[in-house]
Every structure is written in C-alpha cells, then in structure tokens.
C-alpha atoms as a PDB file:
ATOM      1  CA  UNK A   1      25.106  68.265 -29.503  1.00  0.00           C
ATOM      2  CA  UNK A   2      22.128  69.282 -31.648  1.00  0.00           C
ATOM      3  CA  UNK A   3      19.705  67.990 -28.991  1.00  0.00           C
ATOM      4  CA  UNK A   4      20.947  70.696 -26.631  1.00  0.00           C
ATOM      5  CA  UNK A   5      20.204  73.596 -29.004  1.00  0.00           C
ATOM      6  CA  UNK A   6      16.571  74.709 -28.839  1.00  0.00           C
ATOM      7  CA  UNK A   7      14.830  74.929 -32.204  1.00  0.00           C
ATOM      8  CA  UNK A   8      13.156  78.137 -31.025  1.00  0.00           C
ATOM      9  CA  UNK A   9      16.573  79.777 -30.599  1.00  0.00           C
ATOM     10  CA  UNK A  10      17.598  78.764 -34.118  1.00  0.00           C
ATOM     11  CA  UNK A  11      14.401  80.238 -35.568  1.00  0.00           C
ATOM     12  CA  UNK A  12      14.728  83.422 -33.549  1.00  0.00           C
ATOM     13  CA  UNK A  13      18.392  83.916 -34.441  1.00  0.00           C
ATOM     14  CA  UNK A  14      18.106  83.266 -38.173  1.00  0.00           C
ATOM     15  CA  UNK A  15      14.821  85.153 -38.383  1.00  0.00           C
ATOM     16  CA  UNK A  16      16.299  88.150 -36.576  1.00  0.00           C
ATOM     17  CA  UNK A  17      19.408  88.200 -38.794  1.00  0.00           C
ATOM     18  CA  UNK A  18      17.358  87.985 -41.992  1.00  0.00           C
ATOM     19  CA  UNK A  19      14.859  90.606 -40.814  1.00  0.00           C
ATOM     20  CA  UNK A  20      17.605  93.069 -39.843  1.00  0.00           C
ATOM     21  CA  UNK A  21      19.334  92.369 -43.162  1.00  0.00           C
ATOM     22  CA  UNK A  22      16.032  93.132 -44.929  1.00  0.00           C
ATOM     23  CA  UNK A  23      15.682  96.461 -43.132  1.00  0.00           C
ATOM     24  CA  UNK A  24      19.285  97.421 -43.886  1.00  0.00           C
ATOM     25  CA  UNK A  25      18.842  96.411 -47.537  1.00  0.00           C
ATOM     26  CA  UNK A  26      15.683  98.510 -47.677  1.00  0.00           C
ATOM     27  CA  UNK A  27      17.635 101.468 -46.342  1.00  0.00           C
ATOM     28  CA  UNK A  28      20.380 101.185 -48.949  1.00  0.00           C
ATOM     29  CA  UNK A  29      17.965 100.416 -51.801  1.00  0.00           C
ATOM     30  CA  UNK A  30      18.863  96.758 -52.457  1.00  0.00           C
ATOM     31  CA  UNK A  31      15.407  95.458 -53.348  1.00  0.00           C
ATOM     32  CA  UNK A  32      16.395  91.810 -53.884  1.00  0.00           C
ATOM     33  CA  UNK A  33      18.009  91.423 -50.482  1.00  0.00           C
ATOM     34  CA  UNK A  34      15.206  93.518 -48.968  1.00  0.00           C
ATOM     35  CA  UNK A  35      12.532  91.081 -50.210  1.00  0.00           C
ATOM     36  CA  UNK A  36      14.516  88.026 -49.117  1.00  0.00           C
ATOM     37  CA  UNK A  37      14.997  89.521 -45.677  1.00  0.00           C
ATOM     38  CA  UNK A  38      11.333  90.341 -45.240  1.00  0.00           C
ATOM     39  CA  UNK A  39       9.801  87.257 -46.864  1.00  0.00           C
ATOM     40  CA  UNK A  40      12.041  84.801 -45.038  1.00  0.00           C
ATOM     41  CA  UNK A  41      13.143  86.706 -41.962  1.00  0.00           C
ATOM     42  CA  UNK A  42       9.813  87.812 -40.530  1.00  0.00           C
ATOM     43  CA  UNK A  43       8.100  84.381 -40.830  1.00  0.00           C
ATOM     44  CA  UNK A  44      11.154  82.695 -39.276  1.00  0.00           C
ATOM     45  CA  UNK A  45      11.193  85.245 -36.474  1.00  0.00           C
ATOM     46  CA  UNK A  46       7.483  84.699 -35.798  1.00  0.00           C
ATOM     47  CA  UNK A  47       7.920  80.921 -35.996  1.00  0.00           C
ATOM     48  CA  UNK A  48      10.768  81.125 -33.496  1.00  0.00           C
ATOM     49  CA  UNK A  49       8.593  83.168 -31.142  1.00  0.00           C
ATOM     50  CA  UNK A  50       5.774  80.610 -31.449  1.00  0.00           C
ATOM     51  CA  UNK A  51       8.166  77.757 -30.699  1.00  0.00           C
ATOM     52  CA  UNK A  52       9.586  79.659 -27.729  1.00  0.00           C
ATOM     53  CA  UNK A  53       6.068  80.006 -26.311  1.00  0.00           C
ATOM     54  CA  UNK A  54       5.474  76.239 -26.656  1.00  0.00           C
ATOM     55  CA  UNK A  55       8.952  75.159 -25.485  1.00  0.00           C
ATOM     56  CA  UNK A  56       9.450  72.544 -22.780  1.00  0.00           C
ATOM     57  CA  UNK A  57      13.017  72.549 -21.451  1.00  0.00           C
ATOM     58  CA  UNK A  58      15.031  69.334 -20.962  1.00  0.00           C
ATOM     59  CA  UNK A  59      15.061  67.670 -17.562  1.00  0.00           C
ATOM     60  CA  UNK A  60      18.497  67.807 -15.881  1.00  0.00           C
ATOM     61  CA  UNK A  61      20.400  64.844 -14.522  1.00  0.00           C
ATOM     62  CA  UNK A  62      20.587  64.652 -10.718  1.00  0.00           C
ATOM     63  CA  UNK A  63      24.222  63.613 -11.043  1.00  0.00           C
ATOM     64  CA  UNK A  64      26.653  62.778 -13.794  1.00  0.00           C
ATOM     65  CA  UNK A  65      26.336  59.228 -15.092  1.00  0.00           C
ATOM     66  CA  UNK A  66      29.389  57.099 -14.325  1.00  0.00           C
ATOM     67  CA  UNK A  67      31.210  55.257 -17.133  1.00  0.00           C
ATOM     68  CA  UNK A  68      30.277  51.873 -15.625  1.00  0.00           C
ATOM     69  CA  UNK A  69      26.572  52.785 -15.753  1.00  0.00           C
ATOM     70  CA  UNK A  70      26.951  53.918 -19.381  1.00  0.00           C
ATOM     71  CA  UNK A  71      28.402  50.503 -20.228  1.00  0.00           C
ATOM     72  CA  UNK A  72      25.546  48.855 -18.328  1.00  0.00           C
ATOM     73  CA  UNK A  73      23.059  51.036 -20.248  1.00  0.00           C
ATOM     74  CA  UNK A  74      24.476  49.837 -23.563  1.00  0.00           C
ATOM     75  CA  UNK A  75      24.239  46.214 -22.439  1.00  0.00           C
ATOM     76  CA  UNK A  76      20.961  46.051 -20.545  1.00  0.00           C
ATOM     77  CA  UNK A  77      18.772  49.125 -21.138  1.00  0.00           C
ATOM     78  CA  UNK A  78      15.449  48.445 -22.828  1.00  0.00           C
ATOM     79  CA  UNK A  79      14.161  50.432 -25.788  1.00  0.00           C
ATOM     80  CA  UNK A  80      11.581  52.020 -23.480  1.00  0.00           C
ATOM     81  CA  UNK A  81      14.235  53.228 -21.034  1.00  0.00           C
ATOM     82  CA  UNK A  82      16.359  54.676 -23.856  1.00  0.00           C
ATOM     83  CA  UNK A  83      13.385  56.389 -25.475  1.00  0.00           C
ATOM     84  CA  UNK A  84      12.235  57.799 -22.143  1.00  0.00           C
ATOM     85  CA  UNK A  85      15.715  59.136 -21.287  1.00  0.00           C
ATOM     86  CA  UNK A  86      16.091  60.677 -24.752  1.00  0.00           C
ATOM     87  CA  UNK A  87      12.624  62.250 -24.689  1.00  0.00           C
ATOM     88  CA  UNK A  88      12.934  63.983 -21.332  1.00  0.00           C
ATOM     89  CA  UNK A  89      16.500  65.236 -21.877  1.00  0.00           C
ATOM     90  CA  UNK A  90      15.758  67.190 -25.046  1.00  0.00           C
ATOM     91  CA  UNK A  91      13.692  70.227 -25.903  1.00  0.00           C
ATOM     92  CA  UNK A  92      10.045  69.386 -26.596  1.00  0.00           C
ATOM     93  CA  UNK A  93       7.411  71.529 -28.262  1.00  0.00           C
ATOM     94  CA  UNK A  94       3.647  71.534 -27.863  1.00  0.00           C
ATOM     95  CA  UNK A  95       3.535  69.570 -24.607  1.00  0.00           C
ATOM     96  CA  UNK A  96       2.505  70.981 -21.261  1.00  0.00           C
ATOM     97  CA  UNK A  97       4.784  68.755 -19.156  1.00  0.00           C
ATOM     98  CA  UNK A  98       7.193  65.856 -19.556  1.00  0.00           C
ATOM     99  CA  UNK A  99       5.416  62.487 -19.464  1.00  0.00           C
ATOM    100  CA  UNK A 100       2.007  64.172 -19.238  1.00  0.00           C
ATOM    101  CA  UNK A 101       0.286  61.557 -21.393  1.00  0.00           C
ATOM    102  CA  UNK A 102       1.919  58.609 -19.587  1.00  0.00           C
ATOM    103  CA  UNK A 103       0.933  59.996 -16.178  1.00  0.00           C
ATOM    104  CA  UNK A 104      -2.629  60.504 -17.377  1.00  0.00           C
ATOM    105  CA  UNK A 105      -2.871  56.918 -18.665  1.00  0.00           C
ATOM    106  CA  UNK A 106      -1.502  55.627 -15.374  1.00  0.00           C
ATOM    107  CA  UNK A 107      -4.158  57.543 -13.434  1.00  0.00           C
ATOM    108  CA  UNK A 108      -1.578  59.783 -11.758  1.00  0.00           C
ATOM    109  CA  UNK A 109      -2.744  63.009 -13.405  1.00  0.00           C
ATOM    110  CA  UNK A 110      -6.484  63.519 -12.930  1.00  0.00           C
ATOM    111  CA  UNK A 111      -6.154  67.221 -13.849  1.00  0.00           C
ATOM    112  CA  UNK A 112      -3.397  69.484 -15.132  1.00  0.00           C
ATOM    113  CA  UNK A 113      -3.166  71.162 -11.715  1.00  0.00           C
ATOM    114  CA  UNK A 114      -2.682  67.835  -9.899  1.00  0.00           C
ATOM    115  CA  UNK A 115      -0.130  66.430 -12.360  1.00  0.00           C
ATOM    116  CA  UNK A 116       3.207  65.431 -10.787  1.00  0.00           C
ATOM    117  CA  UNK A 117       6.144  67.339 -12.261  1.00  0.00           C
ATOM    118  CA  UNK A 118       9.284  65.511 -13.372  1.00  0.00           C
ATOM    119  CA  UNK A 119      12.169  67.456 -11.812  1.00  0.00           C
ATOM    120  CA  UNK A 120      15.302  65.389 -12.548  1.00  0.00           C
ATOM    121  CA  UNK A 121      16.509  61.972 -13.641  1.00  0.00           C
ATOM    122  CA  UNK A 122      19.397  59.719 -12.728  1.00  0.00           C
ATOM    123  CA  UNK A 123      20.958  56.588 -14.190  1.00  0.00           C
ATOM    124  CA  UNK A 124      22.153  53.941 -11.763  1.00  0.00           C
ATOM    125  CA  UNK A 125      23.308  50.381 -11.290  1.00  0.00           C
ATOM    126  CA  UNK A 126      20.803  48.493  -9.133  1.00  0.00           C
ATOM    127  CA  UNK A 127      21.717  44.845  -8.509  1.00  0.00           C
ATOM    128  CA  UNK A 128      23.788  44.752 -11.713  1.00  0.00           C
ATOM    129  CA  UNK A 129      20.843  46.017 -13.770  1.00  0.00           C
ATOM    130  CA  UNK A 130      20.472  49.346 -15.520  1.00  0.00           C
ATOM    131  CA  UNK A 131      18.022  51.687 -13.763  1.00  0.00           C
ATOM    132  CA  UNK A 132      16.546  54.946 -14.960  1.00  0.00           C
ATOM    133  CA  UNK A 133      15.355  56.861 -11.903  1.00  0.00           C
ATOM    134  CA  UNK A 134      12.761  59.603 -12.330  1.00  0.00           C
ATOM    135  CA  UNK A 135      12.153  62.163  -9.577  1.00  0.00           C
ATOM    136  CA  UNK A 136       8.687  63.721  -9.369  1.00  0.00           C
ATOM    137  CA  UNK A 137       7.405  66.635  -7.349  1.00  0.00           C
ATOM    138  CA  UNK A 138       3.966  65.287  -6.444  1.00  0.00           C
ATOM    139  CA  UNK A 139       2.334  67.448  -3.767  1.00  0.00           C
ATOM    140  CA  UNK A 140      -1.270  66.632  -4.742  1.00  0.00           C
ATOM    141  CA  UNK A 141      -0.926  62.912  -5.530  1.00  0.00           C
ATOM    142  CA  UNK A 142      -0.103  61.025  -2.353  1.00  0.00           C
ATOM    143  CA  UNK A 143       2.745  58.558  -2.079  1.00  0.00           C
ATOM    144  CA  UNK A 144       0.204  55.832  -1.218  1.00  0.00           C
ATOM    145  CA  UNK A 145      -1.442  56.286  -4.642  1.00  0.00           C
ATOM    146  CA  UNK A 146       1.966  55.938  -6.299  1.00  0.00           C
ATOM    147  CA  UNK A 147       2.491  52.691  -4.376  1.00  0.00           C
ATOM    148  CA  UNK A 148      -0.923  51.392  -5.447  1.00  0.00           C
ATOM    149  CA  UNK A 149      -0.033  52.123  -9.096  1.00  0.00           C
ATOM    150  CA  UNK A 150       3.386  50.417  -8.930  1.00  0.00           C
ATOM    151  CA  UNK A 151       2.201  47.231 -10.671  1.00  0.00           C
ATOM    152  CA  UNK A 152       0.372  49.240 -13.337  1.00  0.00           C
ATOM    153  CA  UNK A 153       3.533  51.325 -13.895  1.00  0.00           C
ATOM    154  CA  UNK A 154       5.563  48.127 -14.349  1.00  0.00           C
ATOM    155  CA  UNK A 155       3.116  46.853 -16.973  1.00  0.00           C
ATOM    156  CA  UNK A 156       2.939  50.241 -18.682  1.00  0.00           C
ATOM    157  CA  UNK A 157       6.711  50.636 -19.115  1.00  0.00           C
ATOM    158  CA  UNK A 158       7.430  46.897 -19.519  1.00  0.00           C
ATOM    159  CA  UNK A 159       8.250  44.314 -20.739  1.00  0.00           C
ATOM    160  CA  UNK A 160      11.691  43.852 -19.325  1.00  0.00           C
ATOM    161  CA  UNK A 161      11.236  46.553 -16.690  1.00  0.00           C
ATOM    162  CA  UNK A 162      10.406  46.472 -13.004  1.00  0.00           C
ATOM    163  CA  UNK A 163       9.150  49.671 -11.381  1.00  0.00           C
ATOM    164  CA  UNK A 164      10.010  50.552  -7.796  1.00  0.00           C
ATOM    165  CA  UNK A 165       8.501  53.563  -6.065  1.00  0.00           C
ATOM    166  CA  UNK A 166      10.074  55.237  -3.034  1.00  0.00           C
ATOM    167  CA  UNK A 167      10.021  58.616  -1.350  1.00  0.00           C
ATOM    168  CA  UNK A 168      13.031  60.875  -0.748  1.00  0.00           C
ATOM    169  CA  UNK A 169      13.697  63.090   2.269  1.00  0.00           C
ATOM    170  CA  UNK A 170      12.467  66.057   0.222  1.00  0.00           C
ATOM    171  CA  UNK A 171       9.067  64.350  -0.251  1.00  0.00           C
ATOM    172  CA  UNK A 172       9.843  63.710  -3.908  1.00  0.00           C
ATOM    173  CA  UNK A 173       8.569  60.502  -5.452  1.00  0.00           C
ATOM    174  CA  UNK A 174      11.414  58.418  -6.825  1.00  0.00           C
ATOM    175  CA  UNK A 175      10.370  56.075  -9.637  1.00  0.00           C
ATOM    176  CA  UNK A 176      13.080  53.569 -10.545  1.00  0.00           C
ATOM    177  CA  UNK A 177      12.581  51.771 -13.861  1.00  0.00           C
ATOM    178  CA  UNK A 178      14.931  48.790 -13.588  1.00  0.00           C
ATOM    179  CA  UNK A 179      15.773  46.461 -16.469  1.00  0.00           C
ATOM    180  CA  UNK A 180      15.408  42.763 -15.708  1.00  0.00           C
END
C-alpha cells in the first residue's frame, strides 16, 4: 500500500498543514505553535515541491496478473525479475526515466532523446516459466538493433533469465525476461 503513495504528496500535505497551522497560530498569537508551523511546515512544503519536480510515476500493468502467474512468480521468478518489477511499479525520485541506466549500459540509449520509454509491463506464463514482459516505445532505436542486443540483454539480466525480443502491432518493442 505504501508503495502507491508518492512521497512528494506526503511532504506537500504535511508541509501545507503545518504551514497553514503556523499562519493561523501567528494570527491568534500562539507563538509556540507559530514557530513549529513555520520551522517545520515551510521546509516540508518546499521538500515536497522538490520531490514532485523529480518524481517518476510507476509504470502500469498492461493487464491484471492472474493468480496462477502469481504462484509461478513465487516459485520461479529470479531476484532480478522481482527487483525489476518492484522498481518500475513504484514512485522513483531523481531519475529521468525507468531503466535509463540499464538501457544505456546495453547500448540502447545513446542519448536522452533517443532513449526508449517503458510504457507498461505484464507478467505471464511462458512454457511453464515466469515471464516479466516489458513494453517499450522505441521510435528512434530500430527493432533490428533490439534483436542484435538480445544476447547482451540476456547476459545483462541473467543468470537464470532468457530474453526474447518481439514487436507488437503498435510498433512497441516487447522484451520478455523469462526465467529458466
């Protein structure tokens, strides 16, 4: 539950409440509450604004994960798959895009403008193995380059993972990370 609440919203809400309380306390002459409101409220409000500016929203699931796939995830998912799923489905701060560093190391993001954008994820059962499927909008990196990097992607996310690259009807790149 806490992964779904943005830290920026918490900072903004508490900071706003304390700041307003400080102003009200100033108006009625309560100096102790006034100081607490100003000294804690304003920095929290500013911190919340800074976090909001650096916020990266979670990636949505393409479809709801079935109970059988959840069982398969518990049995066969690798630590890398679990970490990847957890990282992209929560709020992140200070990053420009999800998986930006991984894409750069794989040679799939020569510049920030050419970087593929992760749009959604899906969990699936592929040949009785757990698969985490990542969908990328990749207009400037051709599908042929993704295919050339398939072996490098497997090594990067491995061991225990096979990577399969395909293209959807919408010209999205579908990267399936399948446990073996």
